[in-house]
PDB file of N, CA and C in Angstrom:
ATOM      1  N   MET A   1     -14.261  -1.369   3.994  1.00  0.00           N
ATOM      2  CA  MET A   1     -12.948  -0.812   3.739  1.00  0.00           C
ATOM      3  C   MET A   1     -12.572  -0.987   2.255  1.00  0.00           C
ATOM      4  N   GLU A   2     -13.069  -2.051   1.622  1.00  0.00           N
ATOM      5  CA  GLU A   2     -12.754  -2.282   0.209  1.00  0.00           C
ATOM      6  C   GLU A   2     -13.219  -1.124  -0.667  1.00  0.00           C
ATOM      7  N   ARG A   3     -14.386  -0.581  -0.384  1.00  0.00           N
ATOM      8  CA  ARG A   3     -14.898   0.552  -1.186  1.00  0.00           C
ATOM      9  C   ARG A   3     -13.983   1.763  -1.042  1.00  0.00           C
ATOM     10  N   GLU A   4     -13.506   2.003   0.174  1.00  0.00           N
ATOM     11  CA  GLU A   4     -12.587   3.122   0.405  1.00  0.00           C
ATOM     12  C   GLU A   4     -11.290   2.918  -0.391  1.00  0.00           C
ATOM     13  N   ILE A   5     -10.788   1.683  -0.385  1.00  0.00           N
ATOM     14  CA  ILE A   5      -9.562   1.377  -1.109  1.00  0.00           C
ATOM     15  C   ILE A   5      -9.784   1.505  -2.612  1.00  0.00           C
ATOM     16  N   LEU A   6     -10.926   1.018  -3.106  1.00  0.00           N
ATOM     17  CA  LEU A   6     -11.247   1.171  -4.531  1.00  0.00           C
ATOM     18  C   LEU A   6     -11.303   2.639  -4.926  1.00  0.00           C
ATOM     19  N   SER A   7     -11.877   3.455  -4.054  1.00  0.00           N
ATOM     20  CA  SER A   7     -11.956   4.888  -4.327  1.00  0.00           C
ATOM     21  C   SER A   7     -10.553   5.500  -4.414  1.00  0.00           C
ATOM     22  N   LEU A   8      -9.660   5.085  -3.525  1.00  0.00           N
ATOM     23  CA  LEU A   8      -8.278   5.571  -3.572  1.00  0.00           C
ATOM     24  C   LEU A   8      -7.584   5.093  -4.854  1.00  0.00           C
ATOM     25  N   CYS A   9      -7.862   3.856  -5.260  1.00  0.00           N
ATOM     26  CA  CYS A   9      -7.274   3.334  -6.506  1.00  0.00           C
ATOM     27  C   CYS A   9      -7.718   4.173  -7.698  1.00  0.00           C
ATOM     28  N   ARG A  10      -8.996   4.533  -7.729  1.00  0.00           N
ATOM     29  CA  ARG A  10      -9.496   5.378  -8.823  1.00  0.00           C
ATOM     30  C   ARG A  10      -8.799   6.735  -8.812  1.00  0.00           C
ATOM     31  N   ALA A  11      -8.603   7.291  -7.611  1.00  0.00           N
ATOM     32  CA  ALA A  11      -7.935   8.589  -7.496  1.00  0.00           C
ATOM     33  C   ALA A  11      -6.480   8.501  -7.963  1.00  0.00           C
ATOM     34  N   MET A  12      -5.886   7.299  -7.888  1.00  0.00           N
ATOM     35  CA  MET A  12      -4.510   7.104  -8.325  1.00  0.00           C
ATOM     36  C   MET A  12      -4.420   6.702  -9.791  1.00  0.00           C
ATOM     37  N   GLY A  13      -5.552   6.633 -10.474  1.00  0.00           N
ATOM     38  CA  GLY A  13      -5.514   6.388 -11.907  1.00  0.00           C
ATOM     39  C   GLY A  13      -6.124   5.095 -12.396  1.00  0.00           C
ATOM     40  N   ALA A  14      -6.632   4.242 -11.503  1.00  0.00           N
ATOM     41  CA  ALA A  14      -7.274   3.001 -11.947  1.00  0.00           C
ATOM     42  C   ALA A  14      -8.586   3.356 -12.639  1.00  0.00           C
ATOM     43  N   GLY A  15      -8.732   2.928 -13.876  1.00  0.00           N
ATOM     44  CA  GLY A  15      -9.927   3.248 -14.645  1.00  0.00           C
ATOM     45  C   GLY A  15     -11.110   2.372 -14.280  1.00  0.00           C
ATOM     46  N   GLU A  16     -12.302   2.876 -14.570  1.00  0.00           N
ATOM     47  CA  GLU A  16     -13.520   2.112 -14.298  1.00  0.00           C
ATOM     48  C   GLU A  16     -13.565   0.837 -15.125  1.00  0.00           C
ATOM     49  N   GLU A  17     -12.915   0.834 -16.283  1.00  0.00           N
ATOM     50  CA  GLU A  17     -12.891  -0.369 -17.116  1.00  0.00           C
ATOM     51  C   GLU A  17     -12.072  -1.484 -16.458  1.00  0.00           C
ATOM     52  N   GLN A  18     -11.292  -1.142 -15.441  1.00  0.00           N
ATOM     53  CA  GLN A  18     -10.483  -2.113 -14.707  1.00  0.00           C
ATOM     54  C   GLN A  18     -11.084  -2.449 -13.350  1.00  0.00           C
ATOM     55  N   GLU A  19     -12.328  -2.085 -13.131  1.00  0.00           N
ATOM     56  CA  GLU A  19     -12.963  -2.228 -11.818  1.00  0.00           C
ATOM     57  C   GLU A  19     -12.899  -3.662 -11.282  1.00  0.00           C
ATOM     58  N   GLU A  20     -13.202  -4.649 -12.117  1.00  0.00           N
ATOM     59  CA  GLU A  20     -13.224  -6.039 -11.660  1.00  0.00           C
ATOM     60  C   GLU A  20     -11.825  -6.505 -11.250  1.00  0.00           C
ATOM     61  N   LEU A  21     -10.831  -6.212 -12.074  1.00  0.00           N
ATOM     62  CA  LEU A  21      -9.459  -6.579 -11.756  1.00  0.00           C
ATOM     63  C   LEU A  21      -8.974  -5.823 -10.525  1.00  0.00           C
ATOM     64  N   THR A  22      -9.315  -4.567 -10.437  1.00  0.00           N
ATOM     65  CA  THR A  22      -8.914  -3.762  -9.284  1.00  0.00           C
ATOM     66  C   THR A  22      -9.488  -4.345  -8.003  1.00  0.00           C
ATOM     67  N   LEU A  23     -10.762  -4.737  -8.015  1.00  0.00           N
ATOM     68  CA  LEU A  23     -11.388  -5.319  -6.829  1.00  0.00           C
ATOM     69  C   LEU A  23     -10.676  -6.605  -6.422  1.00  0.00           C
ATOM     70  N   LEU A  24     -10.349  -7.458  -7.376  1.00  0.00           N
ATOM     71  CA  LEU A  24      -9.624  -8.695  -7.062  1.00  0.00           C
ATOM     72  C   LEU A  24      -8.255  -8.399  -6.459  1.00  0.00           C
ATOM     73  N   LEU A  25      -7.566  -7.425  -7.024  1.00  0.00           N
ATOM     74  CA  LEU A  25      -6.263  -7.035  -6.482  1.00  0.00           C
ATOM     75  C   LEU A  25      -6.395  -6.460  -5.076  1.00  0.00           C
ATOM     76  N   VAL A  26      -7.409  -5.636  -4.856  1.00  0.00           N
ATOM     77  CA  VAL A  26      -7.639  -5.052  -3.527  1.00  0.00           C
ATOM     78  C   VAL A  26      -7.879  -6.158  -2.503  1.00  0.00           C
ATOM     79  N   GLN A  27      -8.700  -7.130  -2.836  1.00  0.00           N
ATOM     80  CA  GLN A  27      -8.987  -8.229  -1.913  1.00  0.00           C
ATOM     81  C   GLN A  27      -7.723  -9.021  -1.590  1.00  0.00           C
ATOM     82  N   ALA A  28      -6.931  -9.322  -2.620  1.00  0.00           N
ATOM     83  CA  ALA A  28      -5.695 -10.077  -2.403  1.00  0.00           C
ATOM     84  C   ALA A  28      -4.695  -9.284  -1.565  1.00  0.00           C
ATOM     85  N   VAL A  29      -4.547  -8.014  -1.878  1.00  0.00           N
ATOM     86  CA  VAL A  29      -3.610  -7.162  -1.150  1.00  0.00           C
ATOM     87  C   VAL A  29      -4.034  -7.022   0.315  1.00  0.00           C
ATOM     88  N   CYS A  30      -5.319  -6.863   0.555  1.00  0.00           N
ATOM     89  CA  CYS A  30      -5.808  -6.743   1.938  1.00  0.00           C
ATOM     90  C   CYS A  30      -5.482  -7.993   2.745  1.00  0.00           C
ATOM     91  N   ARG A  31      -5.665  -9.170   2.136  1.00  0.00           N
ATOM     92  CA  ARG A  31      -5.335 -10.421   2.838  1.00  0.00           C
ATOM     93  C   ARG A  31      -3.836 -10.494   3.130  1.00  0.00           C
ATOM     94  N   GLN A  32      -3.028 -10.131   2.145  1.00  0.00           N
ATOM     95  CA  GLN A  32      -1.577 -10.183   2.327  1.00  0.00           C
ATOM     96  C   GLN A  32      -1.107  -9.218   3.412  1.00  0.00           C
ATOM     97  N   LEU A  33      -1.609  -8.000   3.362  1.00  0.00           N
ATOM     98  CA  LEU A  33      -1.197  -7.014   4.359  1.00  0.00           C
ATOM     99  C   LEU A  33      -1.686  -7.385   5.753  1.00  0.00           C
ATOM    100  N   ALA A  34      -2.913  -7.847   5.867  1.00  0.00           N
ATOM    101  CA  ALA A  34      -3.463  -8.235   7.171  1.00  0.00           C
ATOM    102  C   ALA A  34      -2.648  -9.374   7.781  1.00  0.00           C
ATOM    103  N   ALA A  35      -2.161 -10.284   6.958  1.00  0.00           N
ATOM    104  CA  ALA A  35      -1.355 -11.402   7.449  1.00  0.00           C
ATOM    105  C   ALA A  35       0.014 -10.935   7.954  1.00  0.00           C
ATOM    106  N   ARG A  36       0.463  -9.780   7.502  1.00  0.00           N
ATOM    107  CA  ARG A  36       1.770  -9.262   7.914  1.00  0.00           C
ATOM    108  C   ARG A  36       1.705  -8.337   9.121  1.00  0.00           C
ATOM    109  N   LEU A  37       0.497  -8.012   9.571  1.00  0.00           N
ATOM    110  CA  LEU A  37       0.369  -7.136  10.732  1.00  0.00           C
ATOM    111  C   LEU A  37       0.806  -7.861  11.999  1.00  0.00           C
ATOM    112  N   ARG A  38       1.264  -7.102  12.959  1.00  0.00           N
ATOM    113  CA  ARG A  38       1.650  -7.681  14.250  1.00  0.00           C
ATOM    114  C   ARG A  38       0.470  -8.401  14.872  1.00  0.00           C
ATOM    115  N   GLU A  39       0.784  -9.401  15.670  1.00  0.00           N
ATOM    116  CA  GLU A  39      -0.254 -10.188  16.324  1.00  0.00           C
ATOM    117  C   GLU A  39      -1.172  -9.273  17.146  1.00  0.00           C
ATOM    118  N   GLY A  40      -2.475  -9.458  16.977  1.00  0.00           N
ATOM    119  CA  GLY A  40      -3.455  -8.658  17.688  1.00  0.00           C
ATOM    120  C   GLY A  40      -3.797  -7.337  17.026  1.00  0.00           C
ATOM    121  N   THR A  41      -3.126  -7.024  15.927  1.00  0.00           N
ATOM    122  CA  THR A  41      -3.381  -5.780  15.209  1.00  0.00           C
ATOM    123  C   THR A  41      -4.323  -6.047  14.043  1.00  0.00           C
ATOM    124  N   LEU A  42      -5.359  -5.242  13.951  1.00  0.00           N
ATOM    125  CA  LEU A  42      -6.330  -5.340  12.867  1.00  0.00           C
ATOM    126  C   LEU A  42      -6.076  -4.219  11.858  1.00  0.00           C
ATOM    127  N   PRO A  43      -6.510  -4.405  10.620  1.00  0.00           N
ATOM    128  CA  PRO A  43      -6.345  -3.333   9.632  1.00  0.00           C
ATOM    129  C   PRO A  43      -6.917  -1.996  10.109  1.00  0.00           C
ATOM    130  N   GLN A  44      -8.037  -2.035  10.825  1.00  0.00           N
ATOM    131  CA  GLN A  44      -8.666  -0.806  11.309  1.00  0.00           C
ATOM    132  C   GLN A  44      -7.784  -0.073  12.319  1.00  0.00           C
ATOM    133  N   ASP A  45      -6.895  -0.807  13.002  1.00  0.00           N
ATOM    134  CA  ASP A  45      -6.004  -0.191  13.988  1.00  0.00           C
ATOM    135  C   ASP A  45      -4.960   0.713  13.334  1.00  0.00           C
ATOM    136  N   CYS A  46      -4.752   0.549  12.041  1.00  0.00           N
ATOM    137  CA  CYS A  46      -3.728   1.313  11.310  1.00  0.00           C
ATOM    138  C   CYS A  46      -4.249   2.654  10.805  1.00  0.00           C
ATOM    139  N   GLY A  47      -5.528   2.935  11.051  1.00  0.00           N
ATOM    140  CA  GLY A  47      -6.115   4.190  10.585  1.00  0.00           C
ATOM    141  C   GLY A  47      -6.095   4.275   9.065  1.00  0.00           C
ATOM    142  N   PRO A  48      -5.868   5.469   8.516  1.00  0.00           N
ATOM    143  CA  PRO A  48      -5.888   5.634   7.061  1.00  0.00           C
ATOM    144  C   PRO A  48      -4.680   5.027   6.360  1.00  0.00           C
ATOM    145  N   ALA A  49      -3.656   4.616   7.129  1.00  0.00           N
ATOM    146  CA  ALA A  49      -2.453   4.048   6.513  1.00  0.00           C
ATOM    147  C   ALA A  49      -2.750   2.729   5.800  1.00  0.00           C
ATOM    148  N   PHE A  50      -3.606   1.883   6.375  1.00  0.00           N
ATOM    149  CA  PHE A  50      -3.886   0.581   5.764  1.00  0.00           C
ATOM    150  C   PHE A  50      -4.580   0.730   4.412  1.00  0.00           C
ATOM    151  N   PRO A  51      -5.691   1.489   4.330  1.00  0.00           N
ATOM    152  CA  PRO A  51      -6.327   1.627   3.020  1.00  0.00           C
ATOM    153  C   PRO A  51      -5.409   2.262   1.970  1.00  0.00           C
ATOM    154  N   LEU A  52      -4.617   3.240   2.365  1.00  0.00           N
ATOM    155  CA  LEU A  52      -3.725   3.894   1.412  1.00  0.00           C
ATOM    156  C   LEU A  52      -2.640   2.935   0.940  1.00  0.00           C
ATOM    157  N   ALA A  53      -2.043   2.180   1.859  1.00  0.00           N
ATOM    158  CA  ALA A  53      -1.017   1.214   1.478  1.00  0.00           C
ATOM    159  C   ALA A  53      -1.606   0.131   0.574  1.00  0.00           C
ATOM    160  N   ALA A  54      -2.812  -0.338   0.894  1.00  0.00           N
ATOM    161  CA  ALA A  54      -3.470  -1.351   0.068  1.00  0.00           C
ATOM    162  C   ALA A  54      -3.742  -0.814  -1.331  1.00  0.00           C
ATOM    163  N   ALA A  55      -4.179   0.425  -1.419  1.00  0.00           N
ATOM    164  CA  ALA A  55      -4.444   1.037  -2.724  1.00  0.00           C
ATOM    165  C   ALA A  55      -3.151   1.172  -3.526  1.00  0.00           C
ATOM    166  N   MET A  56      -2.076   1.564  -2.869  1.00  0.00           N
ATOM    167  CA  MET A  56      -0.786   1.687  -3.553  1.00  0.00           C
ATOM    168  C   MET A  56      -0.369   0.353  -4.153  1.00  0.00           C
ATOM    169  N   LEU A  57      -0.509  -0.712  -3.374  1.00  0.00           N
ATOM    170  CA  LEU A  57      -0.105  -2.029  -3.866  1.00  0.00           C
ATOM    171  C   LEU A  57      -1.019  -2.524  -4.975  1.00  0.00           C
ATOM    172  N   ALA A  58      -2.313  -2.258  -4.857  1.00  0.00           N
ATOM    173  CA  ALA A  58      -3.252  -2.671  -5.903  1.00  0.00           C
ATOM    174  C   ALA A  58      -2.972  -1.930  -7.205  1.00  0.00           C
ATOM    175  N   VAL A  59      -2.716  -0.627  -7.117  1.00  0.00           N
ATOM    176  CA  VAL A  59      -2.400   0.163  -8.315  1.00  0.00           C
ATOM    177  C   VAL A  59      -1.092  -0.311  -8.930  1.00  0.00           C
ATOM    178  N   GLU A  60      -0.121  -0.642  -8.097  1.00  0.00           N
ATOM    179  CA  GLU A  60       1.128  -1.174  -8.623  1.00  0.00           C
ATOM    180  C   GLU A  60       0.883  -2.495  -9.354  1.00  0.00           C
ATOM    181  N   GLY A  61      -0.007  -3.328  -8.816  1.00  0.00           N
ATOM    182  CA  GLY A  61      -0.369  -4.563  -9.489  1.00  0.00           C
ATOM    183  C   GLY A  61      -1.027  -4.309 -10.833  1.00  0.00           C
ATOM    184  N   LEU A  62      -1.893  -3.312 -10.887  1.00  0.00           N
ATOM    185  CA  LEU A  62      -2.521  -2.936 -12.161  1.00  0.00           C
ATOM    186  C   LEU A  62      -1.477  -2.466 -13.161  1.00  0.00           C
ATOM    187  N   GLU A  63      -0.533  -1.670 -12.697  1.00  0.00           N
ATOM    188  CA  GLU A  63       0.508  -1.154 -13.579  1.00  0.00           C
ATOM    189  C   GLU A  63       1.370  -2.281 -14.130  1.00  0.00           C
ATOM    190  N   ARG A  64       1.666  -3.261 -13.290  1.00  0.00           N
ATOM    191  CA  ARG A  64       2.455  -4.401 -13.757  1.00  0.00           C
ATOM    192  C   ARG A  64       1.685  -5.189 -14.804  1.00  0.00           C
ATOM    193  N   THR A  65       0.386  -5.315 -14.589  1.00  0.00           N
ATOM    194  CA  THR A  65      -0.460  -6.029 -15.535  1.00  0.00           C
ATOM    195  C   THR A  65      -0.507  -5.288 -16.868  1.00  0.00           C
ATOM    196  N   ALA A  66      -0.645  -3.971 -16.797  1.00  0.00           N
ATOM    197  CA  ALA A  66      -0.760  -3.154 -18.007  1.00  0.00           C
ATOM    198  C   ALA A  66       0.594  -2.753 -18.576  1.00  0.00           C
ATOM    199  N   GLY A  67       1.643  -2.882 -17.759  1.00  0.00           N
ATOM    200  CA  GLY A  67       2.970  -2.480 -18.227  1.00  0.00           C
ATOM    201  C   GLY A  67       3.163  -0.979 -18.244  1.00  0.00           C
ATOM    202  N   THR A  68       2.408  -0.243 -17.428  1.00  0.00           N
ATOM    203  CA  THR A  68       2.536   1.221 -17.395  1.00  0.00           C
ATOM    204  C   THR A  68       2.656   1.713 -15.962  1.00  0.00           C
ATOM    205  N   ARG A  69       3.072   2.942 -15.823  1.00  0.00           N
ATOM    206  CA  ARG A  69       3.077   3.636 -14.525  1.00  0.00           C
ATOM    207  C   ARG A  69       2.269   4.897 -14.745  1.00  0.00           C
ATOM    208  N   GLN A  70       1.175   5.069 -13.991  1.00  0.00           N
ATOM    209  CA  GLN A  70       0.253   6.139 -14.309  1.00  0.00           C
ATOM    210  C   GLN A  70       0.260   7.329 -13.368  1.00  0.00           C
ATOM    211  N   VAL A  71       0.296   7.127 -12.083  1.00  0.00           N
ATOM    212  CA  VAL A  71       0.082   8.222 -11.146  1.00  0.00           C
ATOM    213  C   VAL A  71       1.164   9.278 -11.329  1.00  0.00           C
ATOM    214  N   GLU A  72       0.773  10.491 -11.587  1.00  0.00           N
ATOM    215  CA  GLU A  72       1.718  11.590 -11.707  1.00  0.00           C
ATOM    216  C   GLU A  72       1.802  12.364 -10.404  1.00  0.00           C
ATOM    217  N   TYR A  73       0.648  12.570  -9.750  1.00  0.00           N
ATOM    218  CA  TYR A  73       0.629  13.343  -8.515  1.00  0.00           C
ATOM    219  C   TYR A  73      -0.630  13.004  -7.744  1.00  0.00           C
ATOM    220  N   PHE A  74      -0.488  12.635  -6.469  1.00  0.00           N
ATOM    221  CA  PHE A  74      -1.634  12.286  -5.633  1.00  0.00           C
ATOM    222  C   PHE A  74      -1.298  12.658  -4.206  1.00  0.00           C
ATOM    223  N   THR A  75      -2.215  13.301  -3.509  1.00  0.00           N
ATOM    224  CA  THR A  75      -2.011  13.665  -2.120  1.00  0.00           C
ATOM    225  C   THR A  75      -3.192  13.184  -1.289  1.00  0.00           C
ATOM    226  N   ALA A  76      -2.873  12.544  -0.150  1.00  0.00           N
ATOM    227  CA  ALA A  76      -3.889  12.110   0.813  1.00  0.00           C
ATOM    228  C   ALA A  76      -3.366  12.469   2.196  1.00  0.00           C
ATOM    229  N   GLY A  77      -3.888  13.503   2.763  1.00  0.00           N
ATOM    230  CA  GLY A  77      -3.399  13.961   4.065  1.00  0.00           C
ATOM    231  C   GLY A  77      -1.957  14.428   3.946  1.00  0.00           C
ATOM    232  N   ASP A  78      -1.083  13.818   4.764  1.00  0.00           N
ATOM    233  CA  ASP A  78       0.332  14.182   4.762  1.00  0.00           C
ATOM    234  C   ASP A  78       1.151  13.390   3.745  1.00  0.00           C
ATOM    235  N   ILE A  79       0.499  12.483   3.022  1.00  0.00           N
ATOM    236  CA  ILE A  79       1.195  11.628   2.066  1.00  0.00           C
ATOM    237  C   ILE A  79       1.067  12.227   0.669  1.00  0.00           C
ATOM    238  N   THR A  80       2.184  12.392  -0.008  1.00  0.00           N
ATOM    239  CA  THR A  80       2.176  12.839  -1.403  1.00  0.00           C
ATOM    240  C   THR A  80       2.869  11.787  -2.239  1.00  0.00           C
ATOM    241  N   LEU A  81       2.242  11.436  -3.334  1.00  0.00           N
ATOM    242  CA  LEU A  81       2.743  10.393  -4.216  1.00  0.00           C
ATOM    243  C   LEU A  81       2.929  10.976  -5.606  1.00  0.00           C
ATOM    244  N   ARG A  82       4.124  10.799  -6.158  1.00  0.00           N
ATOM    245  CA  ARG A  82       4.415  11.259  -7.519  1.00  0.00           C
ATOM    246  C   ARG A  82       5.163  10.132  -8.200  1.00  0.00           C
ATOM    247  N   MET A  83       4.726   9.747  -9.362  1.00  0.00           N
ATOM    248  CA  MET A  83       5.376   8.639 -10.060  1.00  0.00           C
ATOM    249  C   MET A  83       5.672   9.010 -11.493  1.00  0.00           C
ATOM    250  N   ARG A  84       5.182   8.202 -12.416  1.00  0.00           N
ATOM    251  CA  ARG A  84       5.362   8.323 -13.852  1.00  0.00           C
ATOM    252  C   ARG A  84       6.788   7.933 -14.217  1.00  0.00           C
ATOM    253  N   GLY A  85       7.035   6.618 -14.207  1.00  0.00           N
ATOM    254  CA  GLY A  85       8.258   6.075 -14.769  1.00  0.00           C
ATOM    255  C   GLY A  85       9.458   5.938 -13.857  1.00  0.00           C
ATOM    256  N   GLY A  86       9.341   6.060 -12.598  1.00  0.00           N
ATOM    257  CA  GLY A  86      10.512   5.831 -11.765  1.00  0.00           C
ATOM    258  C   GLY A  86      10.334   6.436 -10.405  1.00  0.00           C
ATOM    259  N   GLY A  87      11.397   6.486  -9.655  1.00  0.00           N
ATOM    260  CA  GLY A  87      11.306   7.156  -8.384  1.00  0.00           C
ATOM    261  C   GLY A  87      12.025   6.440  -7.270  1.00  0.00           C
ATOM    262  N   ASP A  88      11.386   6.424  -6.130  1.00  0.00           N
ATOM    263  CA  ASP A  88      12.029   6.029  -4.890  1.00  0.00           C
ATOM    264  C   ASP A  88      11.692   4.604  -4.456  1.00  0.00           C
ATOM    265  N   GLY A  89      11.772   3.649  -5.356  1.00  0.00           N
ATOM    266  CA  GLY A  89      11.545   2.283  -4.967  1.00  0.00           C
ATOM    267  C   GLY A  89      10.152   1.793  -5.279  1.00  0.00           C
ATOM    268  N   GLY A  90       9.318   2.613  -5.846  1.00  0.00           N
ATOM    269  CA  GLY A  90       7.992   2.178  -6.245  1.00  0.00           C
ATOM    270  C   GLY A  90       6.972   2.251  -5.130  1.00  0.00           C
ATOM    271  N   LEU A  91       5.760   1.939  -5.519  1.00  0.00           N
ATOM    272  CA  LEU A  91       4.651   2.009  -4.571  1.00  0.00           C
ATOM    273  C   LEU A  91       4.765   0.980  -3.465  1.00  0.00           C
ATOM    274  N   SER A  92       5.291  -0.192  -3.762  1.00  0.00           N
ATOM    275  CA  SER A  92       5.385  -1.216  -2.721  1.00  0.00           C
ATOM    276  C   SER A  92       6.327  -0.765  -1.602  1.00  0.00           C
ATOM    277  N   ALA A  93       7.404  -0.105  -1.956  1.00  0.00           N
ATOM    278  CA  ALA A  93       8.330   0.404  -0.937  1.00  0.00           C
ATOM    279  C   ALA A  93       7.670   1.505  -0.109  1.00  0.00           C
ATOM    280  N   GLN A  94       6.902   2.375  -0.765  1.00  0.00           N
ATOM    281  CA  GLN A  94       6.194   3.431  -0.037  1.00  0.00           C
ATOM    282  C   GLN A  94       5.136   2.835   0.880  1.00  0.00           C
ATOM    283  N   ALA A  95       4.416   1.831   0.398  1.00  0.00           N
ATOM    284  CA  ALA A  95       3.387   1.177   1.216  1.00  0.00           C
ATOM    285  C   ALA A  95       4.020   0.510   2.430  1.00  0.00           C
ATOM    286  N   GLU A  96       5.157  -0.116   2.226  1.00  0.00           N
ATOM    287  CA  GLU A  96       5.887  -0.772   3.319  1.00  0.00           C
ATOM    288  C   GLU A  96       6.271   0.247   4.393  1.00  0.00           C
ATOM    289  N   ARG A  97       6.818   1.382   3.965  1.00  0.00           N
ATOM    290  CA  ARG A  97       7.202   2.427   4.930  1.00  0.00           C
ATOM    291  C   ARG A  97       5.982   2.996   5.651  1.00  0.00           C
ATOM    292  N   LEU A  98       4.882   3.108   4.940  1.00  0.00           N
ATOM    293  CA  LEU A  98       3.659   3.655   5.515  1.00  0.00           C
ATOM    294  C   LEU A  98       3.113   2.762   6.632  1.00  0.00           C
ATOM    295  N   LEU A  99       3.153   1.451   6.429  1.00  0.00           N
ATOM    296  CA  LEU A  99       2.608   0.502   7.408  1.00  0.00           C
ATOM    297  C   LEU A  99       3.645  -0.016   8.399  1.00  0.00           C
ATOM    298  N   GLU A 100       4.871   0.415   8.274  1.00  0.00           N
ATOM    299  CA  GLU A 100       5.954  -0.102   9.099  1.00  0.00           C
ATOM    300  C   GLU A 100       5.649  -0.153  10.604  1.00  0.00           C
ATOM    301  N   PRO A 101       5.014   0.848  11.189  1.00  0.00           N
ATOM    302  CA  PRO A 101       4.752   0.781  12.631  1.00  0.00           C
ATOM    303  C   PRO A 101       3.849  -0.388  13.050  1.00  0.00           C
ATOM    304  N   TRP A 102       3.061  -0.930  12.141  1.00  0.00           N
ATOM    305  CA  TRP A 102       2.116  -1.992  12.476  1.00  0.00           C
ATOM    306  C   TRP A 102       2.538  -3.368  11.964  1.00  0.00           C
ATOM    307  N   LEU A 103       3.609  -3.432  11.184  1.00  0.00           N
ATOM    308  CA  LEU A 103       4.029  -4.704  10.600  1.00  0.00           C
ATOM    309  C   LEU A 103       4.932  -5.483  11.551  1.00  0.00           C
ATOM    310  N   ARG A 104       4.866  -6.810  11.408  1.00  0.00           N
ATOM    311  CA  ARG A 104       5.767  -7.671  12.173  1.00  0.00           C
ATOM    312  C   ARG A 104       7.194  -7.411  11.723  1.00  0.00           C
ATOM    313  N   ASP A 105       8.121  -7.700  12.616  1.00  0.00           N
ATOM    314  CA  ASP A 105       9.528  -7.601  12.248  1.00  0.00           C
ATOM    315  C   ASP A 105       9.815  -8.632  11.174  1.00  0.00           C
ATOM    316  N   ARG A 106      10.671  -8.294  10.250  1.00  0.00           N
ATOM    317  CA  ARG A 106      11.003  -9.206   9.154  1.00  0.00           C
ATOM    318  C   ARG A 106      12.435  -9.706   9.284  1.00  0.00           C
ATOM    319  N   GLY A 107      12.827 -10.038  10.507  1.00  0.00           N
ATOM    320  CA  GLY A 107      14.161 -10.593  10.692  1.00  0.00           C
ATOM    321  C   GLY A 107      15.262  -9.552  10.703  1.00  0.00           C
ATOM    322  N   SER A 108      14.901  -8.292  10.894  1.00  0.00           N
ATOM    323  CA  SER A 108      15.926  -7.255  10.917  1.00  0.00           C
ATOM    324  C   SER A 108      16.675  -7.297  12.248  1.00  0.00           C
ATOM    325  N   PHE A 109      17.864  -6.811  12.255  1.00  0.00           N
ATOM    326  CA  PHE A 109      18.735  -6.821  13.413  1.00  0.00           C
ATOM    327  C   PHE A 109      18.566  -5.536  14.203  1.00  0.00           C
ATOM    328  N   SER A 110      18.493  -5.654  15.527  1.00  0.00           N
ATOM    329  CA  SER A 110      18.431  -4.449  16.346  1.00  0.00           C
ATOM    330  C   SER A 110      19.114  -4.715  17.684  1.00  0.00           C
ATOM    331  N   PHE A 111      19.636  -3.648  18.309  1.00  0.00           N
ATOM    332  CA  PHE A 111      20.256  -3.734  19.615  1.00  0.00           C
ATOM    333  C   PHE A 111      19.209  -3.421  20.670  1.00  0.00           C
ATOM    334  N   GLN A 112      19.216  -4.198  21.746  1.00  0.00           N
ATOM    335  CA  GLN A 112      18.329  -3.906  22.868  1.00  0.00           C
ATOM    336  C   GLN A 112      19.138  -4.018  24.143  1.00  0.00           C
ATOM    337  N   GLY A 113      19.187  -2.978  24.896  1.00  0.00           N
ATOM    338  CA  GLY A 113      19.868  -3.002  26.191  1.00  0.00           C
ATOM    339  C   GLY A 113      21.337  -3.348  26.121  1.00  0.00           C
ATOM    340  N   VAL A 114      22.028  -2.772  25.174  1.00  0.00           N
ATOM    341  CA  VAL A 114      23.450  -3.047  25.023  1.00  0.00           C
ATOM    342  C   VAL A 114      24.232  -2.260  26.066  1.00  0.00           C
ATOM    343  N   ARG A 115      25.037  -2.982  26.839  1.00  0.00           N
ATOM    344  CA  ARG A 115      25.866  -2.295  27.850  1.00  0.00           C
ATOM    345  C   ARG A 115      27.172  -1.865  27.204  1.00  0.00           C
ATOM    346  N   GLY A 116      27.567  -0.667  27.515  1.00  0.00           N
ATOM    347  CA  GLY A 116      28.767  -0.163  26.855  1.00  0.00           C
ATOM    348  C   GLY A 116      29.821   0.314  27.753  1.00  0.00           C
TER     349      GLY A 116
END
């Protein structure tokens, strides 16, 4: 799965000169995301959402390291990503929304079986 994520990172603008750093970021991001999945859920259970979310977070890490935002336009299936200097909460927010169905609850409030 790491090779697939690295390939997505390259498609989002990660240069070959950053390959070593990108791989380290991909490995760290994969561990972090896997730890946040619901109990019994594996990264493979998330289909293409897991690799794409991991790539988004790794590229965001590269951008923070370099101090730049690079991706101008990227499409993978039904997901379209456009950046370059701002937007809708950044890649981490998009990755979070992408993996939301498989992530553990983070203490959010919800009603269940409320009688009215």
